[in-house]
Amino acid sequence: MDTLESEIKKREQVNDHARLWKIKLEAALTGGIFLKRNTPPSENGPRKLSVNPELKFFPTITINLKDINLSALYKKEGDVYFQAQEFMMAHKRYTQCITHVPTGSHLLAFGYANRSIALFYSNYMSDCLIDIERAIQHGYPDEFKAELYMWKASAMKELKMEKKLIKNTVAEARKWLPRIVNNDEQKK
C-alpha cells in the first residue's frame, strides 16, 4: 500500500505542478506583465495581450490532466479499501479513478461499476443505480453485465421499487449469463 500511495502522490504533484504553471502562464499573458508601464490598467481590469496570430509568437500549450496510470492506481487502491470493507474510502478512490481517466478508456466503466458496489454497501442505493447505468453506458464488458444487473436488482429491491421492474432487471441479468466466460475455458 505504501508504494501505491507514494506513486499516487508523485503523480498528483506532477499534475498540480502542471496546473500551477498553466495558471501562471495565463496570468502572465492576460495580466499587466506585458503592458507598457506608462498606461494604467483599464477600468475593466488589465488589458489582454494582443498577439499577431500569423507570428505564432506564443506556442499553444496543452496540458493533459488525465492520466490512465494514475487512474489505474486509484482503482487498485479502491480495490484494497473495498477488500478491507472500508467502503467510503473505496468510493473516494473509485471517484478519483473516474475523474482522472482519459476519455474512451475501459477504466471509466470499471470505475463506475466498482463505485456502484461500494455505494451499495454504504447504503446509497439511488446513487448505486445511477453508477450502474453509467457503467453500462460507458461500455462495461458483456461478460460482467449479468453480475452488474443483479446488483441493480438488489438495489432496486432495497429501494422497494415495483416488483415488475425488479423482475425485468433479473431477466436482463439472465440474458447476459451465457456471455460469462468460464476461467477454465479461457485457459484452453
N, C-alpha and C. Protein backbone atom coordinates (compact mmCIF):
# COMPACT_ATOMS: atom_id res chain seq x y z
N MET A 1 0.83 -1.19 0.00
CA MET A 1 0.00 0.00 0.00
C MET A 1 0.87 1.26 0.00
N ASP A 2 2.05 1.20 0.68
CA ASP A 2 2.91 2.38 0.75
C ASP A 2 3.43 2.78 -0.62
N THR A 3 3.87 1.80 -1.42
CA THR A 3 4.36 2.13 -2.75
C THR A 3 3.26 2.68 -3.62
N LEU A 4 2.07 2.14 -3.48
CA LEU A 4 0.93 2.62 -4.25
C LEU A 4 0.61 4.06 -3.88
N GLU A 5 0.57 4.34 -2.59
CA GLU A 5 0.29 5.71 -2.13
C GLU A 5 1.38 6.68 -2.55
N SER A 6 2.65 6.25 -2.47
CA SER A 6 3.74 7.15 -2.87
C SER A 6 3.69 7.44 -4.37
N GLU A 7 3.34 6.43 -5.17
CA GLU A 7 3.22 6.64 -6.62
C GLU A 7 2.08 7.60 -6.93
N ILE A 8 0.97 7.46 -6.23
CA ILE A 8 -0.17 8.36 -6.44
C ILE A 8 0.22 9.78 -6.07
N LYS A 9 0.91 9.95 -4.94
CA LYS A 9 1.33 11.30 -4.52
C LYS A 9 2.28 11.92 -5.53
N LYS A 10 3.21 11.13 -6.08
CA LYS A 10 4.14 11.66 -7.09
C LYS A 10 3.36 12.17 -8.31
N ARG A 11 2.42 11.36 -8.78
CA ARG A 11 1.66 11.75 -9.97
C ARG A 11 0.76 12.94 -9.69
N GLU A 12 0.20 13.02 -8.48
CA GLU A 12 -0.62 14.19 -8.12
C GLU A 12 0.23 15.45 -8.09
N GLN A 13 1.47 15.35 -7.61
CA GLN A 13 2.36 16.50 -7.58
C GLN A 13 2.67 16.98 -8.99
N VAL A 14 2.89 16.05 -9.91
CA VAL A 14 3.15 16.43 -11.30
C VAL A 14 1.93 17.15 -11.88
N ASN A 15 0.73 16.62 -11.64
CA ASN A 15 -0.49 17.26 -12.14
C ASN A 15 -0.69 18.62 -11.49
N ASP A 16 -0.44 18.74 -10.18
CA ASP A 16 -0.57 20.03 -9.50
C ASP A 16 0.43 21.03 -10.06
N HIS A 17 1.65 20.57 -10.33
CA HIS A 17 2.68 21.44 -10.91
C HIS A 17 2.25 21.95 -12.29
N ALA A 18 1.69 21.06 -13.11
CA ALA A 18 1.23 21.45 -14.44
C ALA A 18 0.10 22.47 -14.35
N ARG A 19 -0.85 22.26 -13.43
CA ARG A 19 -1.95 23.21 -13.24
C ARG A 19 -1.42 24.58 -12.81
N LEU A 20 -0.47 24.58 -11.88
CA LEU A 20 0.10 25.83 -11.38
C LEU A 20 0.77 26.62 -12.49
N TRP A 21 1.55 25.95 -13.34
CA TRP A 21 2.21 26.65 -14.43
C TRP A 21 1.22 27.15 -15.47
N LYS A 22 0.16 26.42 -15.69
CA LYS A 22 -0.87 26.87 -16.62
C LYS A 22 -1.51 28.15 -16.10
N ILE A 23 -1.81 28.19 -14.79
CA ILE A 23 -2.41 29.39 -14.18
C ILE A 23 -1.44 30.56 -14.27
N LYS A 24 -0.16 30.31 -13.97
CA LYS A 24 0.84 31.38 -14.03
C LYS A 24 0.99 31.93 -15.45
N LEU A 25 0.99 31.03 -16.43
CA LEU A 25 1.13 31.47 -17.81
C LEU A 25 -0.07 32.29 -18.25
N GLU A 26 -1.27 31.82 -17.90
CA GLU A 26 -2.48 32.59 -18.25
C GLU A 26 -2.46 33.96 -17.58
N ALA A 27 -2.02 34.02 -16.33
CA ALA A 27 -1.94 35.30 -15.63
C ALA A 27 -0.93 36.21 -16.29
N ALA A 28 0.19 35.65 -16.73
CA ALA A 28 1.21 36.46 -17.38
C ALA A 28 0.72 37.00 -18.72
N LEU A 29 -0.01 36.18 -19.45
CA LEU A 29 -0.47 36.60 -20.77
C LEU A 29 -1.62 37.60 -20.69
N THR A 30 -2.47 37.47 -19.70
CA THR A 30 -3.63 38.37 -19.60
C THR A 30 -3.41 39.49 -18.59
N GLY A 31 -2.41 39.36 -17.75
CA GLY A 31 -2.15 40.36 -16.71
C GLY A 31 -1.35 41.53 -17.24
N GLY A 32 -0.86 42.33 -16.34
CA GLY A 32 -0.15 43.54 -16.70
C GLY A 32 1.32 43.35 -17.00
N ILE A 33 1.81 42.13 -17.06
CA ILE A 33 3.23 41.91 -17.27
C ILE A 33 3.71 42.44 -18.61
N PHE A 34 2.92 42.27 -19.65
CA PHE A 34 3.35 42.66 -20.98
C PHE A 34 2.83 44.04 -21.39
N LEU A 35 2.19 44.75 -20.47
CA LEU A 35 1.67 46.08 -20.78
C LEU A 35 2.76 47.12 -20.60
N LYS A 36 2.61 48.23 -21.30
CA LYS A 36 3.55 49.34 -21.11
C LYS A 36 3.33 49.91 -19.72
N ARG A 37 4.40 50.32 -19.07
CA ARG A 37 4.30 50.81 -17.71
C ARG A 37 3.63 52.18 -17.64
N ASN A 38 3.62 52.93 -18.73
CA ASN A 38 3.04 54.28 -18.72
C ASN A 38 1.52 54.26 -18.69
N THR A 39 0.91 53.19 -19.17
CA THR A 39 -0.55 53.17 -19.27
C THR A 39 -1.15 52.42 -18.09
N PRO A 40 -2.10 53.05 -17.39
CA PRO A 40 -2.75 52.37 -16.27
C PRO A 40 -3.71 51.30 -16.79
N PRO A 41 -4.02 50.32 -15.97
CA PRO A 41 -4.99 49.30 -16.41
C PRO A 41 -6.36 49.93 -16.62
N SER A 42 -7.11 49.35 -17.53
CA SER A 42 -8.44 49.89 -17.81
C SER A 42 -9.35 49.63 -16.62
N GLU A 43 -10.53 50.24 -16.66
CA GLU A 43 -11.47 50.09 -15.56
C GLU A 43 -11.97 48.65 -15.43
N ASN A 44 -11.99 47.93 -16.52
CA ASN A 44 -12.47 46.54 -16.51
C ASN A 44 -11.38 45.55 -16.12
N GLY A 45 -10.24 46.02 -15.70
CA GLY A 45 -9.14 45.12 -15.36
C GLY A 45 -8.01 45.27 -16.35
N PRO A 46 -7.00 44.46 -16.25
CA PRO A 46 -5.86 44.57 -17.15
C PRO A 46 -6.24 44.22 -18.58
N ARG A 47 -5.52 44.85 -19.50
CA ARG A 47 -5.76 44.57 -20.92
C ARG A 47 -5.16 43.23 -21.29
N LYS A 48 -5.76 42.61 -22.26
CA LYS A 48 -5.22 41.35 -22.76
C LYS A 48 -4.11 41.66 -23.75
N LEU A 49 -3.15 40.80 -23.79
CA LEU A 49 -2.03 40.95 -24.70
C LEU A 49 -2.52 40.65 -26.11
N SER A 50 -2.26 41.58 -27.02
CA SER A 50 -2.66 41.32 -28.41
C SER A 50 -1.45 40.75 -29.14
N VAL A 51 -1.67 39.61 -29.75
CA VAL A 51 -0.60 38.92 -30.45
C VAL A 51 -1.07 38.69 -31.88
N ASN A 52 -0.20 38.98 -32.82
CA ASN A 52 -0.50 38.72 -34.22
C ASN A 52 -0.53 37.20 -34.41
N PRO A 53 -1.69 36.63 -34.77
CA PRO A 53 -1.77 35.17 -34.88
C PRO A 53 -0.86 34.59 -35.95
N GLU A 54 -0.48 35.41 -36.95
CA GLU A 54 0.39 34.89 -38.00
C GLU A 54 1.82 34.71 -37.51
N LEU A 55 2.21 35.46 -36.49
CA LEU A 55 3.57 35.35 -35.96
C LEU A 55 3.76 34.06 -35.16
N LYS A 56 2.69 33.59 -34.58
CA LYS A 56 2.75 32.40 -33.73
C LYS A 56 3.84 32.57 -32.67
N PHE A 57 3.83 33.75 -32.06
CA PHE A 57 4.84 34.09 -31.08
C PHE A 57 4.75 33.22 -29.84
N PHE A 58 3.52 32.99 -29.39
CA PHE A 58 3.33 32.15 -28.21
C PHE A 58 2.80 30.79 -28.65
N PRO A 59 3.50 29.74 -28.29
CA PRO A 59 3.01 28.41 -28.68
C PRO A 59 1.76 28.04 -27.88
N THR A 60 0.97 27.19 -28.46
CA THR A 60 -0.20 26.69 -27.75
C THR A 60 0.28 25.62 -26.77
N ILE A 61 -0.11 25.78 -25.53
CA ILE A 61 0.30 24.82 -24.51
C ILE A 61 -0.89 23.95 -24.17
N THR A 62 -0.71 22.67 -24.31
CA THR A 62 -1.76 21.72 -23.95
C THR A 62 -1.27 20.91 -22.76
N ILE A 63 -2.04 20.97 -21.69
CA ILE A 63 -1.69 20.20 -20.50
C ILE A 63 -2.78 19.16 -20.30
N ASN A 64 -2.38 17.91 -20.39
CA ASN A 64 -3.34 16.82 -20.22
C ASN A 64 -3.34 16.40 -18.76
N LEU A 65 -4.41 16.71 -18.06
CA LEU A 65 -4.51 16.37 -16.65
C LEU A 65 -5.09 14.98 -16.44
N LYS A 66 -5.47 14.32 -17.51
CA LYS A 66 -5.99 12.96 -17.42
C LYS A 66 -4.80 12.00 -17.55
N ASP A 67 -4.75 11.04 -16.68
CA ASP A 67 -3.61 10.12 -16.66
C ASP A 67 -4.12 8.71 -16.39
N ILE A 68 -3.99 7.84 -17.38
CA ILE A 68 -4.51 6.48 -17.24
C ILE A 68 -3.77 5.70 -16.15
N ASN A 69 -2.48 5.97 -16.00
CA ASN A 69 -1.72 5.26 -14.97
C ASN A 69 -2.16 5.68 -13.57
N LEU A 70 -2.37 6.97 -13.39
CA LEU A 70 -2.86 7.46 -12.10
C LEU A 70 -4.26 6.92 -11.83
N SER A 71 -5.08 6.89 -12.86
CA SER A 71 -6.43 6.35 -12.73
C SER A 71 -6.40 4.88 -12.31
N ALA A 72 -5.51 4.11 -12.94
CA ALA A 72 -5.39 2.69 -12.59
C ALA A 72 -4.90 2.51 -11.15
N LEU A 73 -4.00 3.39 -10.71
CA LEU A 73 -3.54 3.32 -9.32
C LEU A 73 -4.67 3.61 -8.34
N TYR A 74 -5.49 4.61 -8.68
CA TYR A 74 -6.63 4.91 -7.81
C TYR A 74 -7.60 3.72 -7.75
N LYS A 75 -7.80 3.06 -8.89
CA LYS A 75 -8.69 1.90 -8.91
C LYS A 75 -8.13 0.78 -8.03
N LYS A 76 -6.83 0.53 -8.15
CA LYS A 76 -6.21 -0.52 -7.32
C LYS A 76 -6.32 -0.19 -5.84
N GLU A 77 -6.09 1.07 -5.50
CA GLU A 77 -6.21 1.46 -4.10
C GLU A 77 -7.66 1.33 -3.63
N GLY A 78 -8.61 1.67 -4.51
CA GLY A 78 -10.02 1.47 -4.18
C GLY A 78 -10.33 0.01 -3.93
N ASP A 79 -9.73 -0.87 -4.74
CA ASP A 79 -9.93 -2.31 -4.54
C ASP A 79 -9.40 -2.76 -3.18
N VAL A 80 -8.25 -2.20 -2.78
CA VAL A 80 -7.67 -2.56 -1.48
C VAL A 80 -8.61 -2.12 -0.35
N TYR A 81 -9.11 -0.89 -0.44
CA TYR A 81 -10.05 -0.41 0.57
C TYR A 81 -11.33 -1.23 0.57
N PHE A 82 -11.79 -1.61 -0.61
CA PHE A 82 -13.02 -2.41 -0.71
C PHE A 82 -12.82 -3.76 -0.02
N GLN A 83 -11.69 -4.41 -0.27
CA GLN A 83 -11.41 -5.70 0.36
C GLN A 83 -11.34 -5.58 1.89
N ALA A 84 -10.89 -4.40 2.36
CA ALA A 84 -10.82 -4.15 3.80
C ALA A 84 -12.17 -3.69 4.35
N GLN A 85 -13.18 -3.66 3.50
CA GLN A 85 -14.54 -3.23 3.84
C GLN A 85 -14.60 -1.78 4.32
N GLU A 86 -13.71 -0.96 3.80
CA GLU A 86 -13.75 0.48 4.04
C GLU A 86 -14.40 1.11 2.80
N PHE A 87 -15.72 1.03 2.76
CA PHE A 87 -16.45 1.33 1.53
C PHE A 87 -16.43 2.81 1.16
N MET A 88 -16.42 3.70 2.15
CA MET A 88 -16.39 5.13 1.81
C MET A 88 -15.03 5.54 1.25
N MET A 89 -13.95 4.96 1.77
CA MET A 89 -12.62 5.23 1.21
C MET A 89 -12.52 4.61 -0.19
N ALA A 90 -13.10 3.43 -0.36
CA ALA A 90 -13.12 2.81 -1.69
C ALA A 90 -13.89 3.71 -2.65
N HIS A 91 -15.03 4.24 -2.19
CA HIS A 91 -15.83 5.16 -3.01
C HIS A 91 -15.00 6.37 -3.42
N LYS A 92 -14.24 6.92 -2.49
CA LYS A 92 -13.40 8.09 -2.79
C LYS A 92 -12.36 7.76 -3.85
N ARG A 93 -11.69 6.63 -3.71
CA ARG A 93 -10.65 6.25 -4.68
C ARG A 93 -11.25 5.92 -6.05
N TYR A 94 -12.41 5.27 -6.08
CA TYR A 94 -13.05 4.99 -7.37
C TYR A 94 -13.48 6.29 -8.04
N THR A 95 -13.92 7.26 -7.24
CA THR A 95 -14.27 8.56 -7.80
C THR A 95 -13.04 9.23 -8.40
N GLN A 96 -11.91 9.14 -7.72
CA GLN A 96 -10.67 9.70 -8.26
C GLN A 96 -10.26 8.96 -9.53
N CYS A 97 -10.47 7.67 -9.56
CA CYS A 97 -10.21 6.89 -10.77
C CYS A 97 -11.03 7.43 -11.94
N ILE A 98 -12.30 7.68 -11.68
CA ILE A 98 -13.21 8.18 -12.72
C ILE A 98 -12.79 9.57 -13.20
N THR A 99 -12.40 10.44 -12.28
CA THR A 99 -12.07 11.82 -12.67
C THR A 99 -10.74 11.91 -13.41
N HIS A 100 -9.83 10.98 -13.20
CA HIS A 100 -8.52 11.05 -13.84
C HIS A 100 -8.41 10.21 -15.11
N VAL A 101 -9.42 9.41 -15.41
CA VAL A 101 -9.33 8.51 -16.57
C VAL A 101 -9.52 9.31 -17.86
N PRO A 102 -8.67 9.05 -18.87
CA PRO A 102 -8.85 9.72 -20.16
C PRO A 102 -10.12 9.23 -20.87
N THR A 103 -10.63 10.05 -21.74
CA THR A 103 -11.84 9.72 -22.49
C THR A 103 -11.62 8.46 -23.31
N GLY A 104 -12.60 7.58 -23.28
CA GLY A 104 -12.55 6.37 -24.10
C GLY A 104 -11.85 5.19 -23.45
N SER A 105 -11.36 5.34 -22.23
CA SER A 105 -10.67 4.24 -21.56
C SER A 105 -11.68 3.27 -20.95
N HIS A 106 -11.31 1.99 -20.94
CA HIS A 106 -12.17 0.97 -20.33
C HIS A 106 -12.28 1.16 -18.82
N LEU A 107 -11.31 1.86 -18.23
CA LEU A 107 -11.33 2.08 -16.78
C LEU A 107 -12.52 2.90 -16.32
N LEU A 108 -13.08 3.70 -17.21
CA LEU A 108 -14.23 4.53 -16.83
C LEU A 108 -15.41 3.64 -16.45
N ALA A 109 -15.70 2.65 -17.27
CA ALA A 109 -16.82 1.74 -16.97
C ALA A 109 -16.55 0.95 -15.70
N PHE A 110 -15.31 0.47 -15.53
CA PHE A 110 -14.97 -0.29 -14.32
C PHE A 110 -15.01 0.60 -13.08
N GLY A 111 -14.59 1.85 -13.22
CA GLY A 111 -14.65 2.78 -12.09
C GLY A 111 -16.08 2.99 -11.62
N TYR A 112 -16.99 3.21 -12.59
CA TYR A 112 -18.40 3.39 -12.23
C TYR A 112 -18.98 2.12 -11.61
N ALA A 113 -18.66 0.96 -12.18
CA ALA A 113 -19.20 -0.30 -11.66
C ALA A 113 -18.70 -0.56 -10.23
N ASN A 114 -17.41 -0.39 -10.02
CA ASN A 114 -16.86 -0.62 -8.68
C ASN A 114 -17.40 0.38 -7.68
N ARG A 115 -17.53 1.63 -8.11
CA ARG A 115 -18.07 2.64 -7.19
C ARG A 115 -19.53 2.33 -6.85
N SER A 116 -20.27 1.79 -7.82
CA SER A 116 -21.67 1.46 -7.55
C SER A 116 -21.79 0.40 -6.46
N ILE A 117 -20.89 -0.56 -6.46
CA ILE A 117 -20.95 -1.61 -5.44
C ILE A 117 -20.54 -1.05 -4.07
N ALA A 118 -19.55 -0.16 -4.07
CA ALA A 118 -19.17 0.50 -2.81
C ALA A 118 -20.34 1.32 -2.27
N LEU A 119 -21.06 1.98 -3.18
CA LEU A 119 -22.24 2.75 -2.77
C LEU A 119 -23.33 1.83 -2.24
N PHE A 120 -23.48 0.66 -2.85
CA PHE A 120 -24.47 -0.31 -2.38
C PHE A 120 -24.18 -0.69 -0.93
N TYR A 121 -22.94 -1.03 -0.65
CA TYR A 121 -22.58 -1.44 0.72
C TYR A 121 -22.62 -0.28 1.70
N SER A 122 -22.55 0.95 1.18
CA SER A 122 -22.67 2.14 2.05
C SER A 122 -24.12 2.56 2.20
N ASN A 123 -25.02 1.82 1.57
CA ASN A 123 -26.47 2.05 1.64
C ASN A 123 -26.92 3.32 0.90
N TYR A 124 -26.24 3.64 -0.20
CA TYR A 124 -26.65 4.73 -1.08
C TYR A 124 -27.21 4.11 -2.35
N MET A 125 -28.40 3.57 -2.25
CA MET A 125 -28.96 2.75 -3.32
C MET A 125 -29.27 3.55 -4.59
N SER A 126 -29.80 4.76 -4.44
CA SER A 126 -30.12 5.57 -5.63
C SER A 126 -28.86 5.90 -6.41
N ASP A 127 -27.81 6.29 -5.69
CA ASP A 127 -26.54 6.59 -6.35
C ASP A 127 -25.93 5.34 -6.98
N CYS A 128 -26.13 4.21 -6.32
CA CYS A 128 -25.67 2.93 -6.85
C CYS A 128 -26.30 2.67 -8.22
N LEU A 129 -27.61 2.87 -8.31
CA LEU A 129 -28.32 2.65 -9.58
C LEU A 129 -27.83 3.59 -10.67
N ILE A 130 -27.55 4.83 -10.31
CA ILE A 130 -27.05 5.81 -11.28
C ILE A 130 -25.70 5.35 -11.83
N ASP A 131 -24.81 4.92 -10.93
CA ASP A 131 -23.49 4.48 -11.38
C ASP A 131 -23.54 3.20 -12.20
N ILE A 132 -24.48 2.31 -11.89
CA ILE A 132 -24.63 1.10 -12.71
C ILE A 132 -25.01 1.48 -14.14
N GLU A 133 -25.93 2.42 -14.27
CA GLU A 133 -26.32 2.87 -15.61
C GLU A 133 -25.14 3.53 -16.34
N ARG A 134 -24.36 4.30 -15.61
CA ARG A 134 -23.18 4.94 -16.21
C ARG A 134 -22.17 3.89 -16.67
N ALA A 135 -21.97 2.86 -15.86
CA ALA A 135 -21.03 1.79 -16.24
C ALA A 135 -21.48 1.13 -17.54
N ILE A 136 -22.77 0.87 -17.65
CA ILE A 136 -23.30 0.24 -18.86
C ILE A 136 -23.15 1.17 -20.06
N GLN A 137 -23.46 2.45 -19.87
CA GLN A 137 -23.35 3.43 -20.96
C GLN A 137 -21.91 3.58 -21.45
N HIS A 138 -20.95 3.39 -20.56
CA HIS A 138 -19.55 3.60 -20.94
C HIS A 138 -18.84 2.31 -21.34
N GLY A 139 -19.61 1.31 -21.71
CA GLY A 139 -19.03 0.11 -22.32
C GLY A 139 -18.54 -0.95 -21.35
N TYR A 140 -19.29 -1.18 -20.29
CA TYR A 140 -18.93 -2.25 -19.36
C TYR A 140 -18.96 -3.57 -20.12
N PRO A 141 -17.94 -4.42 -19.97
CA PRO A 141 -17.85 -5.65 -20.77
C PRO A 141 -19.04 -6.59 -20.58
N ASP A 142 -19.45 -7.22 -21.66
CA ASP A 142 -20.62 -8.10 -21.66
C ASP A 142 -20.49 -9.24 -20.66
N GLU A 143 -19.28 -9.78 -20.50
CA GLU A 143 -19.12 -10.95 -19.62
C GLU A 143 -19.33 -10.62 -18.14
N PHE A 144 -19.40 -9.34 -17.80
CA PHE A 144 -19.64 -8.95 -16.40
C PHE A 144 -21.01 -8.31 -16.18
N LYS A 145 -21.77 -8.14 -17.24
CA LYS A 145 -23.05 -7.44 -17.13
C LYS A 145 -24.08 -8.20 -16.29
N ALA A 146 -24.06 -9.53 -16.32
CA ALA A 146 -25.04 -10.30 -15.54
C ALA A 146 -24.92 -9.96 -14.06
N GLU A 147 -23.70 -9.92 -13.57
CA GLU A 147 -23.48 -9.59 -12.16
C GLU A 147 -23.90 -8.15 -11.86
N LEU A 148 -23.60 -7.25 -12.78
CA LEU A 148 -23.96 -5.84 -12.58
C LEU A 148 -25.48 -5.67 -12.52
N TYR A 149 -26.19 -6.39 -13.37
CA TYR A 149 -27.65 -6.32 -13.34
C TYR A 149 -28.22 -6.93 -12.05
N MET A 150 -27.55 -7.92 -11.50
CA MET A 150 -28.00 -8.47 -10.22
C MET A 150 -27.81 -7.46 -9.09
N TRP A 151 -26.70 -6.71 -9.15
CA TRP A 151 -26.52 -5.63 -8.17
C TRP A 151 -27.62 -4.59 -8.32
N LYS A 152 -27.97 -4.32 -9.58
CA LYS A 152 -29.03 -3.35 -9.84
C LYS A 152 -30.36 -3.84 -9.25
N ALA A 153 -30.66 -5.11 -9.46
CA ALA A 153 -31.91 -5.68 -8.92
C ALA A 153 -31.91 -5.63 -7.39
N SER A 154 -30.77 -5.90 -6.78
CA SER A 154 -30.67 -5.86 -5.32
C SER A 154 -30.89 -4.44 -4.80
N ALA A 155 -30.31 -3.46 -5.48
CA ALA A 155 -30.50 -2.06 -5.07
C ALA A 155 -31.96 -1.65 -5.24
N MET A 156 -32.57 -2.10 -6.33
CA MET A 156 -33.98 -1.78 -6.56
C MET A 156 -34.86 -2.40 -5.48
N LYS A 157 -34.51 -3.61 -5.07
CA LYS A 157 -35.26 -4.29 -4.01
C LYS A 157 -35.12 -3.52 -2.69
N GLU A 158 -33.92 -3.05 -2.39
CA GLU A 158 -33.69 -2.27 -1.17
C GLU A 158 -34.48 -0.96 -1.18
N LEU A 159 -34.66 -0.40 -2.37
CA LEU A 159 -35.43 0.84 -2.51
C LEU A 159 -36.94 0.57 -2.58
N LYS A 160 -37.31 -0.70 -2.49
CA LYS A 160 -38.72 -1.12 -2.54
C LYS A 160 -39.41 -0.63 -3.82
N MET A 161 -38.73 -0.82 -4.92
CA MET A 161 -39.30 -0.45 -6.21
C MET A 161 -40.30 -1.52 -6.64
N GLU A 162 -41.01 -1.24 -7.70
CA GLU A 162 -42.03 -2.18 -8.18
C GLU A 162 -41.41 -3.53 -8.52
N LYS A 163 -42.14 -4.59 -8.16
CA LYS A 163 -41.64 -5.94 -8.40
C LYS A 163 -41.46 -6.22 -9.89
N LYS A 164 -42.31 -5.62 -10.69
CA LYS A 164 -42.21 -5.82 -12.14
C LYS A 164 -40.87 -5.29 -12.67
N LEU A 165 -40.45 -4.12 -12.18
CA LEU A 165 -39.17 -3.55 -12.60
C LEU A 165 -38.00 -4.44 -12.16
N ILE A 166 -38.11 -4.96 -10.94
CA ILE A 166 -37.05 -5.83 -10.42
C ILE A 166 -36.98 -7.11 -11.24
N LYS A 167 -38.15 -7.68 -11.58
CA LYS A 167 -38.18 -8.90 -12.39
C LYS A 167 -37.58 -8.65 -13.78
N ASN A 168 -37.88 -7.49 -14.35
CA ASN A 168 -37.29 -7.15 -15.66
C ASN A 168 -35.77 -7.06 -15.58
N THR A 169 -35.28 -6.52 -14.48
CA THR A 169 -33.83 -6.40 -14.30
C THR A 169 -33.19 -7.78 -14.13
N VAL A 170 -33.85 -8.66 -13.38
CA VAL A 170 -33.34 -10.03 -13.22
C VAL A 170 -33.36 -10.75 -14.57
N ALA A 171 -34.41 -10.52 -15.36
CA ALA A 171 -34.48 -11.12 -16.70
C ALA A 171 -33.33 -10.61 -17.57
N GLU A 172 -33.00 -9.33 -17.43
CA GLU A 172 -31.87 -8.76 -18.17
C GLU A 172 -30.56 -9.43 -17.73
N ALA A 173 -30.43 -9.69 -16.44
CA ALA A 173 -29.24 -10.39 -15.93
C ALA A 173 -29.14 -11.79 -16.53
N ARG A 174 -30.27 -12.48 -16.59
CA ARG A 174 -30.29 -13.84 -17.17
C ARG A 174 -29.88 -13.81 -18.64
N LYS A 175 -30.28 -12.76 -19.32
CA LYS A 175 -29.94 -12.62 -20.74
C LYS A 175 -28.42 -12.59 -20.94
N TRP A 176 -27.70 -12.01 -19.99
CA TRP A 176 -26.25 -11.87 -20.11
C TRP A 176 -25.48 -13.06 -19.55
N LEU A 177 -26.17 -14.01 -18.89
CA LEU A 177 -25.48 -15.16 -18.30
C LEU A 177 -24.66 -15.97 -19.30
N PRO A 178 -25.18 -16.25 -20.51
CA PRO A 178 -24.37 -17.04 -21.46
C PRO A 178 -23.06 -16.35 -21.87
N ARG A 179 -22.97 -15.05 -21.66
CA ARG A 179 -21.76 -14.32 -22.05
C ARG A 179 -20.62 -14.46 -21.04
N ILE A 180 -20.95 -14.98 -19.85
CA ILE A 180 -19.92 -15.14 -18.82
C ILE A 180 -18.91 -16.17 -19.30
N VAL A 181 -17.66 -15.79 -19.26
CA VAL A 181 -16.59 -16.67 -19.72
C VAL A 181 -16.06 -17.44 -18.51
N ASN A 182 -16.07 -18.75 -18.64
CA ASN A 182 -15.54 -19.61 -17.59
C ASN A 182 -14.01 -19.52 -17.62
N ASN A 183 -13.39 -19.38 -16.47
CA ASN A 183 -11.93 -19.27 -16.40
C ASN A 183 -11.24 -20.49 -16.99
N ASP A 184 -11.81 -21.69 -16.81
CA ASP A 184 -11.22 -22.91 -17.37
C ASP A 184 -11.25 -22.88 -18.89
N GLU A 185 -12.35 -22.36 -19.45
CA GLU A 185 -12.47 -22.27 -20.91
C GLU A 185 -11.49 -21.24 -21.46
N GLN A 186 -11.24 -20.18 -20.71
CA GLN A 186 -10.33 -19.13 -21.16
C GLN A 186 -8.91 -19.66 -21.27
N LYS A 187 -8.51 -20.56 -20.37
CA LYS A 187 -7.14 -21.08 -20.35
C LYS A 187 -6.86 -22.00 -21.53
N LYS A 188 -7.90 -22.60 -22.13
CA LYS A 188 -7.72 -23.54 -23.25
C LYS A 188 -7.28 -22.86 -24.50
